[in-house]
Amino acid sequence: MEEELPKPKKKQLPIVLPRDSRAHYVNATQVTVSDDSVIIQFAYVRPGSKEGQLVSEIALSPKHAIDFSRSLDSTIKKHFTRHLDEFGY
């Protein structure tokens, strides 16, 4: 019988939020991939405008991008599966 290895425990890391930080609304993203990085650009495009304003740009290692993708997918599925009818899925 094959014995399962214990899964590594994920560490809780406190995140400090600067007093002057604020959330930004974005409605457009662009993802650029190379062998050593994944860059995600977040932008806001006003309705009727032909250009957007870059709000943030994040560079991730491929491993961190995969972890982020899995976490985002799991979180969205947990939250929105109860709302699928509302969104027409």
N, C-alpha and C. Protein backbone atom coordinates (compact mmCIF):
# COMPACT_ATOMS: atom_id res chain seq x y z
N MET A 1 0.84 -1.17 0.00
CA MET A 1 0.00 0.00 0.00
C MET A 1 0.89 1.25 0.00
N GLU A 2 0.56 2.18 -0.86
CA GLU A 2 1.36 3.38 -0.99
C GLU A 2 0.93 4.41 0.05
N GLU A 3 1.92 4.97 0.73
CA GLU A 3 1.64 5.95 1.78
C GLU A 3 1.65 7.36 1.20
N GLU A 4 0.61 8.15 1.54
CA GLU A 4 0.54 9.52 1.06
C GLU A 4 1.45 10.41 1.88
N LEU A 5 2.18 11.27 1.20
CA LEU A 5 3.03 12.23 1.89
C LEU A 5 2.17 13.38 2.40
N PRO A 6 2.51 13.91 3.57
CA PRO A 6 1.72 15.05 4.08
C PRO A 6 1.94 16.27 3.19
N LYS A 7 0.87 17.03 3.00
CA LYS A 7 0.97 18.25 2.21
C LYS A 7 1.69 19.31 3.03
N PRO A 8 2.58 20.08 2.40
CA PRO A 8 3.26 21.13 3.15
C PRO A 8 2.24 22.18 3.63
N LYS A 9 2.45 22.64 4.86
CA LYS A 9 1.55 23.65 5.41
C LYS A 9 1.89 25.01 4.82
N LYS A 10 0.86 25.76 4.47
CA LYS A 10 1.08 27.11 3.96
C LYS A 10 1.23 28.05 5.14
N LYS A 11 2.23 28.90 5.07
CA LYS A 11 2.48 29.86 6.14
C LYS A 11 1.54 31.06 6.00
N GLN A 12 1.09 31.56 7.12
CA GLN A 12 0.32 32.79 7.14
C GLN A 12 1.33 33.94 7.22
N LEU A 13 1.22 34.87 6.30
CA LEU A 13 2.13 36.00 6.27
C LEU A 13 1.32 37.27 6.43
N PRO A 14 1.57 38.03 7.50
CA PRO A 14 0.80 39.27 7.66
C PRO A 14 1.20 40.28 6.58
N ILE A 15 0.22 40.95 6.03
CA ILE A 15 0.44 41.97 5.02
C ILE A 15 0.12 43.33 5.64
N VAL A 16 1.05 44.25 5.56
CA VAL A 16 0.85 45.58 6.11
C VAL A 16 0.32 46.49 5.02
N LEU A 17 -0.78 47.14 5.29
CA LEU A 17 -1.40 48.04 4.33
C LEU A 17 -1.04 49.48 4.68
N PRO A 18 -0.30 50.16 3.80
CA PRO A 18 0.04 51.56 4.09
C PRO A 18 -1.22 52.41 4.26
N ARG A 19 -1.16 53.40 5.12
CA ARG A 19 -2.32 54.25 5.40
C ARG A 19 -2.86 54.96 4.15
N ASP A 20 -1.97 55.32 3.24
CA ASP A 20 -2.40 56.08 2.06
C ASP A 20 -2.77 55.20 0.87
N SER A 21 -2.80 53.88 1.06
CA SER A 21 -3.15 53.01 -0.06
C SER A 21 -4.66 53.02 -0.30
N ARG A 22 -5.03 52.74 -1.54
CA ARG A 22 -6.45 52.67 -1.88
C ARG A 22 -6.63 51.69 -3.02
N ALA A 23 -7.83 51.14 -3.08
CA ALA A 23 -8.14 50.19 -4.15
C ALA A 23 -8.42 50.95 -5.44
N HIS A 24 -8.15 50.32 -6.57
CA HIS A 24 -8.40 50.91 -7.88
C HIS A 24 -9.29 49.97 -8.67
N TYR A 25 -10.26 50.52 -9.36
CA TYR A 25 -11.12 49.74 -10.24
C TYR A 25 -10.43 49.59 -11.58
N VAL A 26 -10.40 48.37 -12.10
CA VAL A 26 -9.86 48.12 -13.44
C VAL A 26 -10.89 47.33 -14.24
N ASN A 27 -10.91 47.54 -15.54
CA ASN A 27 -11.82 46.80 -16.40
C ASN A 27 -11.12 46.24 -17.64
N ALA A 28 -9.79 46.25 -17.60
CA ALA A 28 -9.03 45.69 -18.72
C ALA A 28 -7.71 45.14 -18.18
N THR A 29 -7.30 44.00 -18.71
CA THR A 29 -6.02 43.41 -18.33
C THR A 29 -5.28 42.95 -19.57
N GLN A 30 -3.98 42.90 -19.45
CA GLN A 30 -3.14 42.33 -20.51
C GLN A 30 -2.09 41.47 -19.84
N VAL A 31 -1.88 40.28 -20.37
CA VAL A 31 -0.90 39.36 -19.81
C VAL A 31 0.18 39.11 -20.85
N THR A 32 1.44 39.28 -20.43
CA THR A 32 2.58 39.03 -21.30
C THR A 32 3.44 37.98 -20.63
N VAL A 33 3.84 36.95 -21.40
CA VAL A 33 4.58 35.82 -20.84
C VAL A 33 5.92 35.68 -21.55
N SER A 34 6.97 35.47 -20.77
CA SER A 34 8.27 35.10 -21.32
C SER A 34 8.73 33.85 -20.55
N ASP A 35 9.90 33.34 -20.87
CA ASP A 35 10.39 32.14 -20.20
C ASP A 35 10.61 32.34 -18.70
N ASP A 36 10.93 33.56 -18.29
CA ASP A 36 11.26 33.78 -16.88
C ASP A 36 10.30 34.69 -16.12
N SER A 37 9.23 35.17 -16.76
CA SER A 37 8.29 36.03 -16.04
C SER A 37 6.92 36.07 -16.71
N VAL A 38 5.95 36.43 -15.89
CA VAL A 38 4.59 36.68 -16.36
C VAL A 38 4.26 38.09 -15.88
N ILE A 39 3.92 38.96 -16.80
CA ILE A 39 3.60 40.35 -16.45
C ILE A 39 2.11 40.57 -16.69
N ILE A 40 1.45 41.06 -15.66
CA ILE A 40 0.02 41.36 -15.76
C ILE A 40 -0.14 42.86 -15.62
N GLN A 41 -0.76 43.47 -16.63
CA GLN A 41 -1.04 44.91 -16.59
C GLN A 41 -2.53 45.10 -16.37
N PHE A 42 -2.86 45.97 -15.43
CA PHE A 42 -4.24 46.29 -15.11
C PHE A 42 -4.50 47.74 -15.54
N ALA A 43 -5.60 47.95 -16.27
CA ALA A 43 -5.90 49.28 -16.77
C ALA A 43 -7.37 49.62 -16.59
N TYR A 44 -7.65 50.90 -16.64
CA TYR A 44 -9.03 51.37 -16.63
C TYR A 44 -9.29 52.07 -17.95
N VAL A 45 -10.34 51.65 -18.63
CA VAL A 45 -10.74 52.25 -19.90
C VAL A 45 -12.12 52.88 -19.70
N ARG A 46 -12.20 54.17 -19.90
CA ARG A 46 -13.49 54.86 -19.78
C ARG A 46 -14.40 54.47 -20.94
N PRO A 47 -15.70 54.35 -20.67
CA PRO A 47 -16.63 54.03 -21.76
C PRO A 47 -16.51 55.05 -22.91
N GLY A 48 -16.44 54.55 -24.11
CA GLY A 48 -16.34 55.42 -25.29
C GLY A 48 -14.94 55.89 -25.59
N SER A 49 -13.98 55.57 -24.75
CA SER A 49 -12.60 56.00 -24.96
C SER A 49 -11.85 54.97 -25.80
N LYS A 50 -10.86 55.43 -26.54
CA LYS A 50 -10.07 54.53 -27.36
C LYS A 50 -8.74 54.16 -26.71
N GLU A 51 -8.51 54.67 -25.50
CA GLU A 51 -7.29 54.29 -24.79
C GLU A 51 -7.58 54.17 -23.31
N GLY A 52 -6.73 53.38 -22.65
CA GLY A 52 -6.90 53.16 -21.23
C GLY A 52 -5.76 53.75 -20.43
N GLN A 53 -5.93 53.79 -19.13
CA GLN A 53 -4.90 54.29 -18.23
C GLN A 53 -4.37 53.13 -17.41
N LEU A 54 -3.05 52.92 -17.45
CA LEU A 54 -2.44 51.86 -16.67
C LEU A 54 -2.59 52.18 -15.19
N VAL A 55 -3.14 51.23 -14.45
CA VAL A 55 -3.35 51.39 -13.02
C VAL A 55 -2.24 50.69 -12.24
N SER A 56 -1.85 49.50 -12.70
CA SER A 56 -0.82 48.74 -12.01
C SER A 56 -0.23 47.70 -12.95
N GLU A 57 1.02 47.36 -12.68
CA GLU A 57 1.70 46.32 -13.45
C GLU A 57 2.39 45.40 -12.44
N ILE A 58 2.14 44.10 -12.57
CA ILE A 58 2.68 43.12 -11.64
C ILE A 58 3.54 42.13 -12.43
N ALA A 59 4.74 41.87 -11.94
CA ALA A 59 5.62 40.87 -12.56
C ALA A 59 5.72 39.68 -11.61
N LEU A 60 5.48 38.49 -12.13
CA LEU A 60 5.51 37.26 -11.34
C LEU A 60 6.47 36.26 -11.97
N SER A 61 7.06 35.41 -11.14
CA SER A 61 7.81 34.29 -11.68
C SER A 61 6.78 33.31 -12.24
N PRO A 62 7.16 32.42 -13.16
CA PRO A 62 6.19 31.45 -13.67
C PRO A 62 5.54 30.62 -12.56
N LYS A 63 6.31 30.19 -11.54
CA LYS A 63 5.74 29.42 -10.45
C LYS A 63 4.70 30.23 -9.68
N HIS A 64 5.01 31.47 -9.37
CA HIS A 64 4.06 32.31 -8.64
C HIS A 64 2.83 32.62 -9.50
N ALA A 65 3.01 32.75 -10.79
CA ALA A 65 1.87 32.99 -11.69
C ALA A 65 0.93 31.78 -11.70
N ILE A 66 1.50 30.58 -11.71
CA ILE A 66 0.68 29.36 -11.67
C ILE A 66 -0.06 29.27 -10.35
N ASP A 67 0.65 29.53 -9.24
CA ASP A 67 -0.01 29.52 -7.92
C ASP A 67 -1.12 30.56 -7.85
N PHE A 68 -0.87 31.75 -8.38
CA PHE A 68 -1.87 32.81 -8.38
C PHE A 68 -3.08 32.40 -9.23
N SER A 69 -2.83 31.82 -10.38
CA SER A 69 -3.91 31.39 -11.26
C SER A 69 -4.79 30.35 -10.58
N ARG A 70 -4.19 29.39 -9.93
CA ARG A 70 -4.95 28.36 -9.21
C ARG A 70 -5.76 28.96 -8.07
N SER A 71 -5.14 29.86 -7.32
CA SER A 71 -5.83 30.49 -6.20
C SER A 71 -7.00 31.34 -6.68
N LEU A 72 -6.78 32.11 -7.73
CA LEU A 72 -7.84 32.96 -8.29
C LEU A 72 -8.98 32.10 -8.82
N ASP A 73 -8.65 31.04 -9.55
CA ASP A 73 -9.67 30.14 -10.10
C ASP A 73 -10.50 29.52 -8.98
N SER A 74 -9.83 29.02 -7.96
CA SER A 74 -10.52 28.37 -6.84
C SER A 74 -11.42 29.36 -6.09
N THR A 75 -10.91 30.53 -5.84
CA THR A 75 -11.68 31.55 -5.11
C THR A 75 -12.90 31.99 -5.89
N ILE A 76 -12.73 32.22 -7.19
CA ILE A 76 -13.87 32.64 -8.03
C ILE A 76 -14.91 31.54 -8.11
N LYS A 77 -14.47 30.30 -8.28
CA LYS A 77 -15.43 29.19 -8.35
C LYS A 77 -16.21 29.04 -7.05
N LYS A 78 -15.53 29.17 -5.90
CA LYS A 78 -16.21 29.06 -4.61
C LYS A 78 -17.26 30.16 -4.44
N HIS A 79 -16.91 31.37 -4.85
CA HIS A 79 -17.82 32.50 -4.65
C HIS A 79 -18.95 32.54 -5.67
N PHE A 80 -18.61 32.38 -6.94
CA PHE A 80 -19.60 32.64 -7.98
C PHE A 80 -20.43 31.43 -8.39
N THR A 81 -20.08 30.22 -7.97
CA THR A 81 -20.92 29.08 -8.35
C THR A 81 -22.33 29.22 -7.81
N ARG A 82 -22.49 29.92 -6.69
CA ARG A 82 -23.84 30.14 -6.16
C ARG A 82 -24.58 31.23 -6.93
N HIS A 83 -23.88 31.96 -7.81
CA HIS A 83 -24.48 33.04 -8.58
C HIS A 83 -24.53 32.75 -10.08
N LEU A 84 -24.26 31.50 -10.49
CA LEU A 84 -24.16 31.19 -11.91
C LEU A 84 -25.43 31.56 -12.69
N ASP A 85 -26.60 31.31 -12.14
CA ASP A 85 -27.84 31.66 -12.84
C ASP A 85 -27.95 33.16 -13.07
N GLU A 86 -27.52 33.95 -12.10
CA GLU A 86 -27.58 35.40 -12.24
C GLU A 86 -26.74 35.90 -13.40
N PHE A 87 -25.59 35.24 -13.63
CA PHE A 87 -24.67 35.66 -14.67
C PHE A 87 -24.91 34.97 -16.01
N GLY A 88 -25.90 34.07 -16.05
CA GLY A 88 -26.24 33.41 -17.30
C GLY A 88 -25.31 32.27 -17.68
N TYR A 89 -24.69 31.62 -16.72
CA TYR A 89 -23.78 30.49 -17.01
C TYR A 89 -24.47 29.17 -16.74
